[in-house]
Amino acid sequence: MENPNPTAAVTELHIRLKQARRHTPFGRLFPEDRDPIYRAVARDHHCTVEDLHHWTEGGAA
């Protein structure tokens, strides 16, 4: 298994969330909209959704 790159994962997560917000009314994403994005980024970067939450909250990236 590859080592995840926190900076790349968080950067891609932010880009995907921003892009998704552009296509929603009022630019707001609900948890049910965000969850598939978090899972996809976690899968692509060989980490867990919990890792992504930790990295985005902890400022590791």
Protein backbone atom coordinates (compact mmCIF):
# COMPACT_ATOMS: atom_id res chain seq x y z
CA MET A 1 0.00 0.00 0.00
CA GLU A 2 1.26 3.45 -0.86
CA ASN A 3 1.88 6.15 1.71
CA PRO A 4 -0.77 8.85 1.45
CA ASN A 5 0.33 12.41 0.75
CA PRO A 6 -1.73 14.63 3.09
CA THR A 7 -1.07 17.81 1.13
CA ALA A 8 -2.16 16.34 -2.19
CA ALA A 9 -5.22 14.68 -0.67
CA VAL A 10 -6.42 17.84 1.08
CA THR A 11 -5.75 19.95 -2.01
CA GLU A 12 -7.78 17.62 -4.21
CA LEU A 13 -10.54 17.47 -1.59
CA HIS A 14 -10.79 21.27 -1.51
CA ILE A 15 -10.87 21.47 -5.30
CA ARG A 16 -13.61 18.83 -5.59
CA LEU A 17 -15.70 20.44 -2.85
CA LYS A 18 -15.35 23.88 -4.44
CA GLN A 19 -16.36 22.48 -7.83
CA ALA A 20 -19.36 20.70 -6.31
CA ARG A 21 -20.47 23.91 -4.55
CA ARG A 22 -20.60 25.69 -7.91
CA HIS A 23 -23.26 23.25 -9.09
CA THR A 24 -25.58 23.49 -6.09
CA PRO A 25 -28.23 26.06 -5.24
CA PHE A 26 -26.84 28.82 -3.00
CA GLY A 27 -23.37 27.21 -3.06
CA ARG A 28 -24.14 24.99 -0.06
CA LEU A 29 -23.21 21.32 0.29
CA PHE A 30 -25.01 19.07 2.74
CA PRO A 31 -23.35 16.08 4.44
CA GLU A 32 -24.99 13.68 2.00
CA ASP A 33 -23.36 15.68 -0.83
CA ARG A 34 -19.91 15.78 0.80
CA ASP A 35 -19.66 12.13 1.89
CA PRO A 36 -19.20 10.63 -1.61
CA ILE A 37 -16.54 13.25 -2.37
CA TYR A 38 -14.62 12.44 0.82
CA ARG A 39 -14.84 8.69 0.06
CA ALA A 40 -13.63 9.17 -3.53
CA VAL A 41 -10.65 11.30 -2.52
CA ALA A 42 -9.75 8.87 0.28
CA ARG A 43 -9.89 5.96 -2.16
CA ASP A 44 -7.79 7.79 -4.77
CA HIS A 45 -5.14 8.79 -2.21
CA HIS A 46 -5.03 5.47 -0.31
CA CYS A 47 -6.14 6.91 3.01
CA THR A 48 -9.28 6.88 5.13
CA VAL A 49 -12.06 9.43 5.41
CA GLU A 50 -11.00 9.88 9.04
CA ASP A 51 -7.49 10.77 7.84
CA LEU A 52 -8.95 13.45 5.57
CA HIS A 53 -11.01 14.90 8.42
CA HIS A 54 -7.94 14.91 10.66
CA TRP A 55 -5.75 16.56 8.04
CA THR A 56 -8.30 19.26 7.19
CA GLU A 57 -9.02 20.07 10.84
CA GLY A 58 -5.46 19.74 12.09
CA GLY A 59 -3.89 21.78 9.32
CA ALA A 60 -1.41 19.04 8.43
CA ALA A 61 -1.56 20.09 4.81
